[in-house]
N, C-alpha and C. Protein backbone atom coordinates (compact mmCIF):
# COMPACT_ATOMS: atom_id res chain seq x y z
N MET A 1 155.01 253.27 38.34
CA MET A 1 155.15 252.04 39.11
C MET A 1 155.43 250.89 38.18
N ASP A 2 156.41 250.05 38.47
CA ASP A 2 156.75 248.89 37.66
C ASP A 2 155.66 247.86 37.84
N ALA A 3 155.10 247.37 36.71
CA ALA A 3 153.99 246.43 36.79
C ALA A 3 154.38 245.14 37.48
N ASP A 4 155.70 244.79 37.40
CA ASP A 4 156.12 243.53 38.00
C ASP A 4 156.61 243.70 39.42
N HIS A 5 157.14 244.91 39.78
CA HIS A 5 157.79 245.07 41.07
C HIS A 5 157.23 246.21 41.90
N GLY A 6 156.09 246.77 41.53
CA GLY A 6 155.55 247.89 42.28
C GLY A 6 154.97 247.43 43.60
N GLY A 7 155.61 247.83 44.71
CA GLY A 7 155.11 247.45 46.02
C GLY A 7 155.23 245.95 46.21
N GLU A 8 154.43 245.38 47.07
CA GLU A 8 154.44 243.95 47.32
C GLU A 8 153.63 243.25 46.25
N ALA A 9 154.24 242.29 45.57
CA ALA A 9 153.58 241.60 44.48
C ALA A 9 152.32 240.91 44.98
N MET A 10 151.26 240.95 44.14
CA MET A 10 150.00 240.32 44.53
C MET A 10 150.20 238.85 44.83
N GLY A 11 151.02 238.18 43.99
CA GLY A 11 151.20 236.75 44.17
C GLY A 11 151.97 236.38 45.40
N SER A 12 152.69 237.34 45.99
CA SER A 12 153.51 237.03 47.16
C SER A 12 152.85 237.46 48.45
N ARG A 13 151.60 237.94 48.40
CA ARG A 13 150.93 238.37 49.61
C ARG A 13 150.73 237.19 50.55
N LYS A 14 150.87 237.45 51.82
CA LYS A 14 150.65 236.40 52.80
C LYS A 14 149.16 236.10 52.89
N ARG A 15 148.85 234.85 53.19
CA ARG A 15 147.45 234.48 53.39
C ARG A 15 146.93 235.14 54.66
N GLU A 16 145.67 235.50 54.60
CA GLU A 16 145.06 236.11 55.77
C GLU A 16 144.99 235.10 56.91
N THR A 17 145.21 235.53 58.13
CA THR A 17 145.13 234.64 59.27
C THR A 17 143.68 234.27 59.54
N PRO A 18 143.44 233.07 60.06
CA PRO A 18 142.06 232.65 60.33
C PRO A 18 141.40 233.56 61.35
N THR A 19 140.10 233.71 61.24
CA THR A 19 139.33 234.47 62.21
C THR A 19 139.09 233.59 63.43
N SER A 20 138.40 234.13 64.43
CA SER A 20 138.11 233.36 65.63
C SER A 20 137.26 232.13 65.34
N SER A 21 136.53 232.15 64.23
CA SER A 21 135.70 231.00 63.86
C SER A 21 136.51 229.92 63.15
N GLY A 22 137.79 230.22 62.86
CA GLY A 22 138.63 229.28 62.16
C GLY A 22 138.58 229.41 60.66
N VAL A 23 137.72 230.29 60.15
CA VAL A 23 137.59 230.50 58.70
C VAL A 23 138.52 231.64 58.29
N PRO A 24 139.39 231.44 57.27
CA PRO A 24 140.28 232.53 56.84
C PRO A 24 139.48 233.75 56.42
N HIS A 25 139.98 234.92 56.77
CA HIS A 25 139.31 236.17 56.42
C HIS A 25 139.59 236.52 54.96
N LEU A 26 138.57 236.91 54.23
CA LEU A 26 138.72 237.33 52.84
C LEU A 26 138.24 238.76 52.70
N ASP A 27 139.15 239.66 52.42
CA ASP A 27 138.81 241.07 52.19
C ASP A 27 138.50 241.24 50.72
N LEU A 28 137.22 241.35 50.38
CA LEU A 28 136.82 241.42 48.97
C LEU A 28 137.42 242.62 48.26
N LEU A 29 137.65 243.71 48.99
CA LEU A 29 138.21 244.90 48.36
C LEU A 29 139.67 244.70 47.97
N GLN A 30 140.31 243.66 48.51
CA GLN A 30 141.69 243.34 48.14
C GLN A 30 141.78 242.05 47.33
N PHE A 31 140.62 241.45 47.03
CA PHE A 31 140.59 240.19 46.29
C PHE A 31 140.44 240.51 44.80
N LEU A 32 141.51 240.30 44.04
CA LEU A 32 141.57 240.75 42.65
C LEU A 32 140.45 240.20 41.77
N PRO A 33 140.14 238.90 41.82
CA PRO A 33 139.04 238.41 40.96
C PRO A 33 137.73 239.15 41.19
N TYR A 34 137.41 239.43 42.46
CA TYR A 34 136.17 240.15 42.76
C TYR A 34 136.22 241.56 42.20
N ARG A 35 137.35 242.27 42.42
CA ARG A 35 137.44 243.65 41.96
C ARG A 35 137.36 243.74 40.43
N LEU A 36 138.07 242.84 39.75
CA LEU A 36 138.04 242.86 38.29
C LEU A 36 136.66 242.52 37.75
N ASN A 37 136.01 241.52 38.34
CA ASN A 37 134.68 241.13 37.88
C ASN A 37 133.67 242.23 38.13
N SER A 38 133.76 242.87 39.29
CA SER A 38 132.84 243.96 39.62
C SER A 38 133.02 245.12 38.65
N LEU A 39 134.27 245.47 38.36
CA LEU A 39 134.54 246.56 37.42
C LEU A 39 134.06 246.21 36.02
N ALA A 40 134.33 244.98 35.59
CA ALA A 40 133.90 244.55 34.25
C ALA A 40 132.38 244.61 34.12
N ASP A 41 131.67 244.18 35.17
CA ASP A 41 130.20 244.23 35.14
C ASP A 41 129.70 245.66 35.02
N ARG A 42 130.31 246.57 35.78
CA ARG A 42 129.88 247.97 35.73
C ARG A 42 130.16 248.59 34.36
N LEU A 43 131.32 248.30 33.81
CA LEU A 43 131.67 248.83 32.49
C LEU A 43 130.71 248.28 31.43
N SER A 44 130.46 246.97 31.49
CA SER A 44 129.61 246.34 30.50
C SER A 44 128.18 246.87 30.56
N GLN A 45 127.65 247.02 31.77
CA GLN A 45 126.29 247.52 31.92
C GLN A 45 126.15 248.96 31.44
N ALA A 46 127.13 249.79 31.79
CA ALA A 46 127.06 251.20 31.37
C ALA A 46 127.18 251.32 29.85
N LEU A 47 128.09 250.56 29.27
CA LEU A 47 128.28 250.63 27.83
C LEU A 47 127.09 250.04 27.09
N SER A 48 126.52 248.95 27.63
CA SER A 48 125.37 248.34 26.96
C SER A 48 124.17 249.28 26.95
N GLN A 49 124.06 250.13 27.95
CA GLN A 49 122.97 251.10 27.97
C GLN A 49 123.09 252.06 26.80
N MET A 50 124.32 252.47 26.50
CA MET A 50 124.55 253.36 25.37
C MET A 50 124.20 252.65 24.05
N TYR A 51 124.63 251.38 23.89
CA TYR A 51 124.32 250.62 22.68
C TYR A 51 122.81 250.48 22.50
N ALA A 52 122.13 250.20 23.61
CA ALA A 52 120.69 249.96 23.54
C ALA A 52 119.93 251.23 23.20
N GLU A 53 120.28 252.33 23.86
CA GLU A 53 119.53 253.58 23.68
C GLU A 53 119.78 254.21 22.31
N ARG A 54 121.01 254.19 21.86
CA ARG A 54 121.35 254.88 20.61
C ARG A 54 121.24 254.00 19.37
N TYR A 55 121.48 252.70 19.54
CA TYR A 55 121.57 251.83 18.36
C TYR A 55 120.69 250.58 18.45
N GLN A 56 119.93 250.44 19.54
CA GLN A 56 119.04 249.30 19.72
C GLN A 56 119.78 247.96 19.56
N LEU A 57 120.92 247.87 20.20
CA LEU A 57 121.73 246.66 20.17
C LEU A 57 121.88 246.08 21.57
N THR A 58 121.92 244.75 21.64
CA THR A 58 122.26 244.08 22.89
C THR A 58 123.79 243.94 22.95
N ILE A 59 124.28 243.52 24.11
CA ILE A 59 125.73 243.29 24.24
C ILE A 59 126.20 242.25 23.24
N ALA A 60 125.45 241.16 23.12
CA ALA A 60 125.84 240.08 22.21
C ALA A 60 125.86 240.57 20.76
N GLN A 61 124.87 241.36 20.36
CA GLN A 61 124.82 241.88 18.99
C GLN A 61 126.00 242.81 18.72
N TRP A 62 126.33 243.66 19.70
CA TRP A 62 127.47 244.55 19.53
C TRP A 62 128.76 243.76 19.36
N ARG A 63 128.93 242.71 20.15
CA ARG A 63 130.17 241.92 20.06
C ARG A 63 130.28 241.20 18.73
N VAL A 64 129.16 240.72 18.21
CA VAL A 64 129.19 240.11 16.88
C VAL A 64 129.64 241.14 15.84
N LEU A 65 129.03 242.32 15.86
CA LEU A 65 129.39 243.37 14.90
C LEU A 65 130.85 243.77 15.05
N ALA A 66 131.30 243.91 16.29
CA ALA A 66 132.68 244.35 16.53
C ALA A 66 133.68 243.35 15.99
N TRP A 67 133.42 242.05 16.20
CA TRP A 67 134.36 241.04 15.71
C TRP A 67 134.33 240.94 14.19
N LEU A 68 133.16 241.12 13.58
CA LEU A 68 133.10 241.10 12.11
C LEU A 68 133.80 242.32 11.54
N SER A 69 133.75 243.44 12.23
CA SER A 69 134.49 244.62 11.80
C SER A 69 135.99 244.38 11.91
N HIS A 70 136.38 243.60 12.93
CA HIS A 70 137.79 243.35 13.20
C HIS A 70 138.40 242.35 12.22
N LEU A 71 137.62 241.31 11.87
CA LEU A 71 138.18 240.22 11.06
C LEU A 71 137.40 239.94 9.78
N ASP A 72 136.47 240.80 9.41
CA ASP A 72 135.73 240.71 8.14
C ASP A 72 134.76 239.53 8.04
N GLU A 73 135.26 238.31 8.19
CA GLU A 73 134.40 237.14 8.01
C GLU A 73 134.71 236.10 9.08
N LEU A 74 133.66 235.64 9.77
CA LEU A 74 133.81 234.65 10.83
C LEU A 74 132.58 233.75 10.86
N SER A 75 132.73 232.59 11.46
CA SER A 75 131.57 231.75 11.72
C SER A 75 131.02 232.09 13.10
N ALA A 76 129.80 231.67 13.36
CA ALA A 76 129.22 231.89 14.68
C ALA A 76 130.04 231.19 15.75
N LYS A 77 130.56 230.02 15.43
CA LYS A 77 131.39 229.28 16.38
C LYS A 77 132.64 230.06 16.75
N GLN A 78 133.27 230.65 15.76
CA GLN A 78 134.48 231.44 16.01
C GLN A 78 134.18 232.65 16.88
N ILE A 79 133.05 233.30 16.63
CA ILE A 79 132.67 234.46 17.44
C ILE A 79 132.38 234.03 18.88
N ALA A 80 131.69 232.90 19.04
CA ALA A 80 131.39 232.40 20.38
C ALA A 80 132.67 232.11 21.15
N GLN A 81 133.65 231.54 20.47
CA GLN A 81 134.92 231.24 21.12
C GLN A 81 135.68 232.52 21.46
N ALA A 82 135.65 233.48 20.56
CA ALA A 82 136.40 234.73 20.78
C ALA A 82 135.80 235.55 21.92
N THR A 83 134.47 235.55 22.01
CA THR A 83 133.79 236.37 23.02
C THR A 83 133.53 235.61 24.32
N ARG A 84 133.74 234.28 24.31
CA ARG A 84 133.44 233.43 25.47
C ARG A 84 131.96 233.50 25.86
N MET A 85 131.13 233.73 24.85
CA MET A 85 129.68 233.74 25.07
C MET A 85 129.11 232.42 24.57
N ASP A 86 127.98 231.98 25.17
CA ASP A 86 127.43 230.69 24.78
C ASP A 86 126.84 230.75 23.37
N LYS A 87 126.79 229.60 22.76
CA LYS A 87 126.42 229.49 21.35
C LYS A 87 124.99 229.96 21.09
N VAL A 88 124.08 229.65 22.02
CA VAL A 88 122.67 230.05 21.84
C VAL A 88 122.55 231.56 21.83
N ARG A 89 123.26 232.23 22.72
CA ARG A 89 123.19 233.69 22.78
C ARG A 89 123.73 234.32 21.50
N ILE A 90 124.82 233.75 20.97
CA ILE A 90 125.37 234.25 19.72
C ILE A 90 124.41 233.98 18.57
N SER A 91 123.77 232.81 18.57
CA SER A 91 122.81 232.46 17.52
C SER A 91 121.66 233.46 17.47
N ARG A 92 121.13 233.82 18.66
CA ARG A 92 120.04 234.79 18.71
C ARG A 92 120.50 236.16 18.21
N ALA A 93 121.72 236.55 18.59
CA ALA A 93 122.25 237.84 18.15
C ALA A 93 122.41 237.87 16.64
N VAL A 94 122.92 236.79 16.08
CA VAL A 94 123.11 236.70 14.63
C VAL A 94 121.77 236.79 13.92
N GLN A 95 120.78 236.07 14.41
CA GLN A 95 119.46 236.10 13.78
C GLN A 95 118.86 237.50 13.80
N ALA A 96 118.99 238.19 14.94
CA ALA A 96 118.44 239.55 15.05
C ALA A 96 119.17 240.52 14.13
N LEU A 97 120.47 240.39 14.05
CA LEU A 97 121.25 241.28 13.19
C LEU A 97 120.95 241.04 11.72
N GLU A 98 120.74 239.78 11.37
CA GLU A 98 120.39 239.46 9.99
C GLU A 98 119.02 240.02 9.64
N GLU A 99 118.08 239.92 10.56
CA GLU A 99 116.73 240.46 10.32
C GLU A 99 116.76 241.98 10.14
N ARG A 100 117.71 242.65 10.79
CA ARG A 100 117.85 244.11 10.64
C ARG A 100 118.68 244.48 9.40
N GLY A 101 119.19 243.48 8.71
CA GLY A 101 119.98 243.75 7.51
C GLY A 101 121.38 244.24 7.81
N LEU A 102 121.90 243.97 9.00
CA LEU A 102 123.22 244.45 9.39
C LEU A 102 124.32 243.45 9.08
N ILE A 103 123.97 242.17 8.96
CA ILE A 103 124.94 241.15 8.58
C ILE A 103 124.27 240.20 7.59
N ARG A 104 125.07 239.44 6.90
CA ARG A 104 124.54 238.39 6.04
C ARG A 104 125.37 237.13 6.31
N ARG A 105 124.75 236.00 6.08
CA ARG A 105 125.46 234.74 6.28
C ARG A 105 125.29 233.86 5.06
N THR A 106 126.33 233.17 4.71
CA THR A 106 126.33 232.29 3.55
C THR A 106 126.99 230.97 3.95
N PRO A 107 126.52 229.86 3.38
CA PRO A 107 127.13 228.57 3.70
C PRO A 107 128.55 228.50 3.17
N SER A 108 129.40 227.80 3.91
CA SER A 108 130.77 227.58 3.45
C SER A 108 130.76 226.64 2.26
N PRO A 109 131.54 226.91 1.21
CA PRO A 109 131.60 226.00 0.05
C PRO A 109 132.10 224.61 0.43
N SER A 110 132.92 224.54 1.47
CA SER A 110 133.52 223.26 1.85
C SER A 110 132.72 222.49 2.90
N ASP A 111 131.81 223.19 3.59
CA ASP A 111 131.03 222.54 4.65
C ASP A 111 129.72 223.30 4.81
N GLN A 112 128.63 222.73 4.30
CA GLN A 112 127.35 223.42 4.30
C GLN A 112 126.80 223.68 5.70
N ARG A 113 127.35 223.00 6.72
CA ARG A 113 126.91 223.25 8.09
C ARG A 113 127.48 224.55 8.64
N VAL A 114 128.56 225.04 8.03
CA VAL A 114 129.24 226.24 8.53
C VAL A 114 128.67 227.47 7.85
N GLN A 115 128.28 228.45 8.65
CA GLN A 115 127.73 229.70 8.13
C GLN A 115 128.78 230.80 8.27
N HIS A 116 129.19 231.39 7.16
CA HIS A 116 130.12 232.52 7.19
C HIS A 116 129.32 233.81 7.36
N LEU A 117 129.73 234.65 8.30
CA LEU A 117 129.04 235.90 8.60
C LEU A 117 129.89 237.08 8.14
N ARG A 118 129.23 238.06 7.54
CA ARG A 118 129.90 239.29 7.09
C ARG A 118 128.98 240.49 7.34
N LEU A 119 129.59 241.64 7.51
CA LEU A 119 128.81 242.87 7.63
C LEU A 119 128.22 243.26 6.28
N THR A 120 127.01 243.81 6.31
CA THR A 120 126.44 244.42 5.11
C THR A 120 126.85 245.90 5.09
N GLU A 121 126.47 246.59 4.04
CA GLU A 121 126.76 248.02 3.99
C GLU A 121 126.06 248.75 5.13
N ALA A 122 124.84 248.29 5.45
CA ALA A 122 124.11 248.91 6.56
C ALA A 122 124.84 248.67 7.89
N GLY A 123 125.39 247.48 8.05
CA GLY A 123 126.15 247.17 9.25
C GLY A 123 127.40 248.02 9.36
N GLN A 124 128.09 248.20 8.25
CA GLN A 124 129.28 249.04 8.24
C GLN A 124 128.93 250.49 8.55
N ALA A 125 127.80 250.96 8.03
CA ALA A 125 127.37 252.33 8.29
C ALA A 125 127.04 252.53 9.76
N LEU A 126 126.37 251.53 10.37
CA LEU A 126 126.03 251.64 11.78
C LEU A 126 127.31 251.70 12.62
N LEU A 127 128.29 250.85 12.30
CA LEU A 127 129.54 250.86 13.06
C LEU A 127 130.32 252.16 12.85
N ALA A 128 130.16 252.77 11.70
CA ALA A 128 130.84 254.05 11.46
C ALA A 128 130.35 255.11 12.43
N ASP A 129 129.10 254.99 12.86
CA ASP A 129 128.57 255.91 13.88
C ASP A 129 128.87 255.43 15.30
N LEU A 130 128.76 254.11 15.50
CA LEU A 130 128.88 253.55 16.85
C LEU A 130 130.30 253.58 17.39
N ILE A 131 131.27 253.22 16.57
CA ILE A 131 132.65 253.09 17.07
C ILE A 131 133.19 254.40 17.64
N PRO A 132 132.99 255.54 16.97
CA PRO A 132 133.45 256.80 17.60
C PRO A 132 132.80 257.06 18.95
N ASP A 133 131.51 256.71 19.09
CA ASP A 133 130.83 256.87 20.38
C ASP A 133 131.47 255.97 21.44
N ALA A 134 131.78 254.72 21.04
CA ALA A 134 132.39 253.78 21.98
C ALA A 134 133.78 254.26 22.40
N LEU A 135 134.54 254.77 21.45
CA LEU A 135 135.88 255.25 21.77
C LEU A 135 135.84 256.49 22.67
N GLN A 136 134.84 257.35 22.45
CA GLN A 136 134.71 258.53 23.31
C GLN A 136 134.30 258.11 24.72
N TRP A 137 133.43 257.12 24.80
CA TRP A 137 133.02 256.62 26.12
C TRP A 137 134.23 256.04 26.85
N GLU A 138 135.04 255.28 26.13
CA GLU A 138 136.26 254.72 26.73
C GLU A 138 137.18 255.84 27.20
N ALA A 139 137.34 256.87 26.38
CA ALA A 139 138.20 258.00 26.75
C ALA A 139 137.72 258.68 28.02
N ASP A 140 136.41 258.80 28.16
CA ASP A 140 135.85 259.42 29.37
C ASP A 140 136.17 258.57 30.61
N VAL A 141 136.11 257.25 30.45
CA VAL A 141 136.38 256.36 31.59
C VAL A 141 137.85 256.42 32.00
N VAL A 142 138.76 256.39 31.02
CA VAL A 142 140.19 256.34 31.36
C VAL A 142 140.79 257.72 31.54
N ALA A 143 139.95 258.76 31.52
CA ALA A 143 140.47 260.12 31.70
C ALA A 143 141.14 260.30 33.06
N ALA A 144 140.78 259.44 34.02
CA ALA A 144 141.39 259.53 35.35
C ALA A 144 142.81 258.99 35.37
N LEU A 145 143.23 258.33 34.29
CA LEU A 145 144.57 257.75 34.22
C LEU A 145 145.46 258.59 33.31
N SER A 146 146.75 258.59 33.62
CA SER A 146 147.70 259.20 32.70
C SER A 146 147.89 258.26 31.51
N GLN A 147 148.52 258.75 30.46
CA GLN A 147 148.76 257.90 29.29
C GLN A 147 149.62 256.71 29.67
N GLY A 148 150.61 256.95 30.51
CA GLY A 148 151.47 255.86 30.96
C GLY A 148 150.72 254.83 31.78
N GLU A 149 149.83 255.29 32.66
CA GLU A 149 149.04 254.37 33.47
C GLU A 149 148.11 253.55 32.60
N CYS A 150 147.55 254.17 31.58
CA CYS A 150 146.65 253.46 30.68
C CYS A 150 147.39 252.36 29.93
N HIS A 151 148.58 252.68 29.41
CA HIS A 151 149.38 251.67 28.71
C HIS A 151 149.79 250.56 29.67
N GLN A 152 150.14 250.94 30.89
CA GLN A 152 150.54 249.95 31.88
C GLN A 152 149.38 249.03 32.24
N LEU A 153 148.19 249.59 32.34
CA LEU A 153 147.00 248.79 32.66
C LEU A 153 146.77 247.74 31.57
N ILE A 154 146.85 248.15 30.31
CA ILE A 154 146.67 247.21 29.20
C ILE A 154 147.73 246.11 29.27
N SER A 155 148.97 246.49 29.60
CA SER A 155 150.05 245.52 29.70
C SER A 155 149.80 244.52 30.83
N VAL A 156 149.36 245.02 31.98
CA VAL A 156 149.10 244.15 33.12
C VAL A 156 147.94 243.20 32.82
N ILE A 157 146.89 243.70 32.18
CA ILE A 157 145.77 242.84 31.80
C ILE A 157 146.26 241.71 30.89
N GLY A 158 147.12 242.05 29.94
CA GLY A 158 147.67 241.04 29.04
C GLY A 158 148.46 239.98 29.80
N LYS A 159 149.23 240.39 30.80
CA LYS A 159 150.00 239.44 31.59
C LYS A 159 149.08 238.51 32.37
N LEU A 160 148.01 239.06 32.94
CA LEU A 160 147.07 238.23 33.69
C LEU A 160 146.35 237.25 32.76
N GLU A 161 146.01 237.69 31.56
CA GLU A 161 145.35 236.80 30.60
C GLU A 161 146.27 235.66 30.20
N ARG A 162 147.54 235.96 29.97
CA ARG A 162 148.48 234.91 29.59
C ARG A 162 148.71 233.93 30.75
N GLN A 163 148.77 234.46 31.98
CA GLN A 163 148.94 233.59 33.13
C GLN A 163 147.72 232.69 33.31
N LEU A 164 146.53 233.24 33.10
CA LEU A 164 145.32 232.44 33.21
C LEU A 164 145.29 231.35 32.14
N ASP A 165 145.77 231.69 30.93
CA ASP A 165 145.87 230.68 29.88
C ASP A 165 146.77 229.52 30.33
N ARG A 166 147.90 229.87 30.95
CA ARG A 166 148.82 228.83 31.40
C ARG A 166 148.19 227.97 32.49
N LEU A 167 147.45 228.60 33.41
CA LEU A 167 146.80 227.85 34.47
C LEU A 167 145.72 226.92 33.92
N GLU A 168 144.95 227.42 32.94
CA GLU A 168 143.87 226.63 32.36
C GLU A 168 144.40 225.45 31.54
N GLN A 169 145.56 225.63 30.93
CA GLN A 169 146.12 224.58 30.08
C GLN A 169 146.96 223.57 30.85
N GLY A 170 147.22 223.84 32.12
CA GLY A 170 148.02 222.94 32.93
C GLY A 170 147.23 221.75 33.40
N SER A 171 147.84 220.98 34.28
CA SER A 171 147.21 219.76 34.78
C SER A 171 146.78 219.89 36.23
N GLY A 172 146.89 221.09 36.77
CA GLY A 172 146.56 221.31 38.17
C GLY A 172 145.08 221.52 38.39
N PRO A 173 144.69 221.91 39.60
CA PRO A 173 143.26 222.09 39.93
C PRO A 173 142.61 223.23 39.18
N TRP A 174 143.42 224.16 38.59
CA TRP A 174 142.83 225.30 37.89
C TRP A 174 142.64 225.02 36.41
N SER A 175 143.11 223.85 35.94
CA SER A 175 142.99 223.55 34.52
C SER A 175 141.53 223.28 34.17
N GLN A 176 141.20 223.45 32.90
CA GLN A 176 139.83 223.25 32.44
C GLN A 176 139.79 222.10 31.45
N ASP A 177 138.86 221.17 31.69
CA ASP A 177 138.65 220.07 30.76
C ASP A 177 137.70 220.53 29.68
N ARG A 178 138.21 220.73 28.48
CA ARG A 178 137.39 221.26 27.39
C ARG A 178 136.82 220.13 26.52
N SER A 179 137.03 218.86 26.93
CA SER A 179 136.58 217.76 26.09
C SER A 179 135.07 217.72 25.95
N GLY A 180 134.36 218.30 26.95
CA GLY A 180 132.91 218.27 26.90
C GLY A 180 132.30 219.53 26.34
N ASP A 181 133.12 220.41 25.76
CA ASP A 181 132.63 221.67 25.21
C ASP A 181 131.71 221.36 24.04
N PRO A 182 130.42 221.75 24.11
CA PRO A 182 129.50 221.43 23.02
C PRO A 182 129.90 222.05 21.70
N MET A 183 130.67 223.14 21.74
CA MET A 183 131.08 223.76 20.49
C MET A 183 132.17 222.95 19.80
N GLU A 184 132.77 221.98 20.52
CA GLU A 184 133.80 221.15 19.92
C GLU A 184 133.25 219.80 19.49
N THR A 185 131.93 219.58 19.59
CA THR A 185 131.35 218.30 19.23
C THR A 185 131.40 218.11 17.72
N PRO A 186 132.07 217.06 17.24
CA PRO A 186 132.16 216.85 15.79
C PRO A 186 130.78 216.72 15.17
N GLY A 187 130.61 217.40 14.04
CA GLY A 187 129.38 217.26 13.28
C GLY A 187 128.26 218.17 13.70
N SER A 188 128.46 218.97 14.76
CA SER A 188 127.37 219.87 15.18
C SER A 188 127.32 221.07 14.28
N PRO A 189 126.14 221.57 13.89
CA PRO A 189 126.04 222.72 13.02
C PRO A 189 126.69 223.94 13.67
N GLU A 190 127.27 224.78 12.85
CA GLU A 190 127.96 225.97 13.37
C GLU A 190 127.00 227.00 13.90
N LEU A 191 125.79 226.99 13.40
CA LEU A 191 124.82 228.02 13.85
C LEU A 191 123.46 227.38 13.99
N ASP A 192 123.05 227.14 15.22
CA ASP A 192 121.74 226.55 15.46
C ASP A 192 120.68 227.64 15.43
N GLN A 193 119.53 227.31 14.93
CA GLN A 193 118.42 228.24 14.96
C GLN A 193 117.83 228.27 16.36
N ASP A 194 117.44 229.46 16.82
CA ASP A 194 116.80 229.55 18.13
C ASP A 194 115.45 228.86 18.10
N ARG A 195 115.15 228.22 19.21
CA ARG A 195 113.84 227.57 19.31
C ARG A 195 112.97 228.35 20.26
């Protein structure tokens, strides 16, 4: 199926006619944001159970480790932005991982408020065990799809992400005002200690 032209395009669907009460009918099973959010929640919960049982990690801790494995060195602010998780949750994850000896943090030479995070040898060893488990879990989930369907799904997700970026950056009702983002406040420390 062509990702752009398969059947009736989602964006061209007609609006549902109002019900007898005058309120438009919303079929949640056909409402894409609901279906994607529900699926993401189920995937995240199932995967987090594996992280917790086998490696004693929370979702936030796993995401910190995964991003440090991906890019070697990052600040807590950069990880919070990449994962779209709040700064306090990332701060707690960083503190717990540091206490377990899985990451280390050092002040930036150019800005003492910025903490650079890196994996330790113990962190790298844990990921050497965890990543194959995560990939096998993913393989089990997508086993219902053909290779072509899997590639197409990744492509469609990318298109939706880019479209959402365009909507958020526009001036319409879907745009987001990021001026009040606390992570963008000048002079705020990159990694606050949990209280």
